[in-house]
C-alpha atoms as a PDB file:
ATOM      1  CA  MET A   1     -32.993-122.083 -53.098  1.00  0.00           C
ATOM      2  CA  ASP A   2     -30.638-120.800 -50.387  1.00  0.00           C
ATOM      3  CA  GLN A   3     -28.752-122.944 -47.860  1.00  0.00           C
ATOM      4  CA  LYS A   4     -30.985-121.977 -44.840  1.00  0.00           C
ATOM      5  CA  ASN A   5     -34.106-123.071 -46.438  1.00  0.00           C
ATOM      6  CA  LYS A   6     -32.426-126.507 -47.661  1.00  0.00           C
ATOM      7  CA  LYS A   7     -31.624-127.407 -44.358  1.00  0.00           C
ATOM      8  CA  THR A   8     -35.161-126.760 -42.887  1.00  0.00           C
ATOM      9  CA  GLU A   9     -36.574-128.858 -45.769  1.00  0.00           C
ATOM     10  CA  ASP A  10     -34.243-131.755 -45.032  1.00  0.00           C
ATOM     11  CA  PHE A  11     -35.338-131.596 -41.303  1.00  0.00           C
ATOM     12  CA  GLU A  12     -37.809-134.465 -40.719  1.00  0.00           C
ATOM     13  CA  ILE A  13     -40.276-134.144 -37.815  1.00  0.00           C
ATOM     14  CA  THR A  14     -40.766-137.805 -36.777  1.00  0.00           C
ATOM     15  CA  PRO A  15     -42.885-139.149 -33.911  1.00  0.00           C
ATOM     16  CA  LYS A  16     -39.677-140.303 -32.029  1.00  0.00           C
ATOM     17  CA  LEU A  17     -38.486-136.584 -32.407  1.00  0.00           C
ATOM     18  CA  VAL A  18     -41.520-135.296 -30.993  1.00  0.00           C
ATOM     19  CA  PHE A  19     -41.740-137.714 -28.155  1.00  0.00           C
ATOM     20  CA  ASP A  20     -37.924-136.913 -27.218  1.00  0.00           C
ATOM     21  CA  MET A  21     -38.787-133.307 -27.301  1.00  0.00           C
ATOM     22  CA  ASN A  22     -41.617-133.393 -25.164  1.00  0.00           C
ATOM     23  CA  LEU A  23     -39.917-135.630 -22.798  1.00  0.00           C
ATOM     24  CA  ALA A  24     -36.734-133.335 -22.435  1.00  0.00           C
ATOM     25  CA  LEU A  25     -39.206-130.389 -21.830  1.00  0.00           C
ATOM     26  CA  TYR A  26     -41.120-132.376 -19.420  1.00  0.00           C
ATOM     27  CA  LEU A  27     -38.046-133.382 -17.354  1.00  0.00           C
ATOM     28  CA  ASP A  28     -36.763-129.864 -17.459  1.00  0.00           C
ATOM     29  CA  LEU A  29     -40.233-128.778 -15.950  1.00  0.00           C
ATOM     30  CA  VAL A  30     -40.135-131.440 -13.092  1.00  0.00           C
ATOM     31  CA  ALA A  31     -36.556-130.380 -12.316  1.00  0.00           C
ATOM     32  CA  ALA A  32     -37.638-126.691 -12.122  1.00  0.00           C
ATOM     33  CA  LEU A  33     -40.695-127.519  -9.887  1.00  0.00           C
ATOM     34  CA  GLU A  34     -38.664-129.818  -7.673  1.00  0.00           C
ATOM     35  CA  GLY A  35     -36.165-127.081  -7.436  1.00  0.00           C
ATOM     36  CA  ALA A  36     -38.884-124.523  -6.454  1.00  0.00           C
ATOM     37  CA  GLY A  37     -40.426-127.024  -3.899  1.00  0.00           C
ATOM     38  CA  ALA A  38     -43.746-127.498  -5.620  1.00  0.00           C
ATOM     39  CA  VAL A  39     -43.431-131.163  -6.244  1.00  0.00           C
ATOM     40  CA  THR A  40     -40.712-133.943  -5.362  1.00  0.00           C
ATOM     41  CA  TYR A  41     -39.126-136.435  -7.405  1.00  0.00           C
ATOM     42  CA  ARG A  42     -40.798-139.015  -5.340  1.00  0.00           C
ATOM     43  CA  GLN A  43     -44.406-137.556  -5.941  1.00  0.00           C
ATOM     44  CA  MET A  44     -43.308-137.512  -9.859  1.00  0.00           C
ATOM     45  CA  ALA A  45     -42.123-141.152  -9.862  1.00  0.00           C
ATOM     46  CA  ALA A  46     -45.118-142.152  -8.115  1.00  0.00           C
ATOM     47  CA  ARG A  47     -47.321-140.362 -10.765  1.00  0.00           C
ATOM     48  CA  VAL A  48     -45.508-141.622 -13.814  1.00  0.00           C
ATOM     49  CA  LEU A  49     -45.275-145.364 -12.506  1.00  0.00           C
ATOM     50  CA  ASN A  50     -49.133-145.127 -12.132  1.00  0.00           C
ATOM     51  CA  ILE A  51     -49.543-144.154 -15.566  1.00  0.00           C
ATOM     52  CA  SER A  52     -46.796-146.833 -16.806  1.00  0.00           C
ATOM     53  CA  MET A  53     -48.932-149.555 -14.685  1.00  0.00           C
ATOM     54  CA  ASP A  54     -52.282-148.342 -16.505  1.00  0.00           C
ATOM     55  CA  ALA A  55     -50.445-148.541 -19.715  1.00  0.00           C
ATOM     56  CA  ARG A  56     -49.216-152.182 -19.113  1.00  0.00           C
ATOM     57  CA  ALA A  57     -52.783-153.131 -17.863  1.00  0.00           C
ATOM     58  CA  ASP A  58     -53.998-151.788 -21.289  1.00  0.00           C
ATOM     59  CA  GLY A  59     -51.651-153.845 -23.118  1.00  0.00           C
ATOM     60  CA  ASP A  60     -49.181-151.226 -24.276  1.00  0.00           C
ATOM     61  CA  THR A  61     -45.984-152.939 -23.147  1.00  0.00           C
ATOM     62  CA  ASN A  62     -43.630-150.415 -24.786  1.00  0.00           C
ATOM     63  CA  LEU A  63     -45.147-147.226 -23.400  1.00  0.00           C
ATOM     64  CA  SER A  64     -45.287-148.754 -19.852  1.00  0.00           C
ATOM     65  CA  THR A  65     -41.547-149.945 -20.209  1.00  0.00           C
ATOM     66  CA  VAL A  66     -40.374-146.499 -21.045  1.00  0.00           C
ATOM     67  CA  LEU A  67     -42.358-144.803 -18.325  1.00  0.00           C
ATOM     68  CA  GLU A  68     -41.255-147.212 -15.604  1.00  0.00           C
ATOM     69  CA  GLY A  69     -37.672-146.258 -16.832  1.00  0.00           C
ATOM     70  CA  ILE A  70     -38.605-142.570 -16.473  1.00  0.00           C
ATOM     71  CA  ALA A  71     -40.036-143.223 -13.028  1.00  0.00           C
ATOM     72  CA  GLN A  72     -37.021-145.137 -11.917  1.00  0.00           C
ATOM     73  CA  GLY A  73     -34.797-142.016 -12.766  1.00  0.00           C
ATOM     74  CA  PHE A  74     -37.227-139.743 -10.650  1.00  0.00           C
ATOM     75  CA  ALA A  75     -37.158-142.391  -7.783  1.00  0.00           C
ATOM     76  CA  GLY A  76     -33.269-142.349  -8.040  1.00  0.00           C
ATOM     77  CA  HIS A  77     -33.116-138.772  -7.151  1.00  0.00           C
ATOM     78  CA  GLY A  78     -33.423-137.491  -3.303  1.00  0.00           C
ATOM     79  CA  ASP A  79     -34.479-140.236  -0.905  1.00  0.00           C
ATOM     80  CA  GLY A  80     -33.766-142.987  -3.757  1.00  0.00           C
ATOM     81  CA  LEU A  81     -37.004-144.719  -3.180  1.00  0.00           C
ATOM     82  CA  SER A  82     -37.383-148.118  -4.923  1.00  0.00           C
ATOM     83  CA  ILE A  83     -39.715-148.794  -7.783  1.00  0.00           C
ATOM     84  CA  GLU A  84     -40.996-151.861  -6.207  1.00  0.00           C
ATOM     85  CA  LEU A  85     -41.948-149.947  -2.981  1.00  0.00           C
ATOM     86  CA  LEU A  86     -43.887-147.295  -5.130  1.00  0.00           C
ATOM     87  CA  LYS A  87     -45.612-150.206  -7.081  1.00  0.00           C
ATOM     88  CA  ALA A  88     -46.639-151.767  -3.978  1.00  0.00           C
ATOM     89  CA  ALA A  89     -47.941-148.314  -2.341  1.00  0.00           C
ATOM     90  CA  ARG A  90     -50.128-147.799  -5.242  1.00  0.00           C
ATOM     91  CA  GLY A  91     -52.757-149.866  -4.136  1.00  0.00           C
ATOM     92  CA  LEU A  92     -52.670-148.108  -0.835  1.00  0.00           C
ATOM     93  CA  ARG A  93     -53.942-144.885  -2.344  1.00  0.00           C
ATOM     94  CA  GLU A  94     -54.413-144.965  -5.836  1.00  0.00           C
ATOM     95  CA  ASP A  95     -53.422-141.515  -7.264  1.00  0.00           C
ATOM     96  CA  ASP A  96     -51.963-140.423  -3.876  1.00  0.00           C
ATOM     97  CA  ALA A  97     -49.278-143.250  -3.933  1.00  0.00           C
ATOM     98  CA  MET A  98     -46.545-142.126  -1.489  1.00  0.00           C
ATOM     99  CA  GLY A  99     -47.713-138.549  -1.717  1.00  0.00           C
ATOM    100  CA  ASP A 100     -47.995-138.415  -5.400  1.00  0.00           C
ATOM    101  CA  ILE A 101     -50.524-135.335  -5.214  1.00  0.00           C
ATOM    102  CA  PRO A 102     -49.121-132.480  -3.255  1.00  0.00           C
ATOM    103  CA  MET A 103     -51.316-131.164  -0.448  1.00  0.00           C
ATOM    104  CA  ARG A 104     -53.238-127.821  -1.102  1.00  0.00           C
ATOM    105  CA  PRO A 105     -51.713-124.982   1.038  1.00  0.00           C
ATOM    106  CA  VAL A 106     -53.847-124.074   4.123  1.00  0.00           C
ATOM    107  CA  ASP A 107     -55.326-120.508   4.235  1.00  0.00           C
ATOM    108  CA  ASP A 108     -54.377-118.610   7.405  1.00  0.00           C
END
């Protein structure tokens, strides 16, 4: 067996590795979308926080904690909105908390 195949065989794909890779790709995608003006960090913070709060309500505290940390990171960019304000805003407009869903462009 050559050295290249040996390295591949020793590489173990674990659920943590898959989660970390998905998260890294997701965060890169959000950064690209924000840079293009398609979505703001505030909108992503609100969306991820909503999912976190749903996970906590379903009893998945670990997932909720991780997602809240991600939301906190998004909220810290740009205007630096607080997580507590985003939590309070959730009750105002369920999925649209603090502008969670971008408005559809108006056709001229």
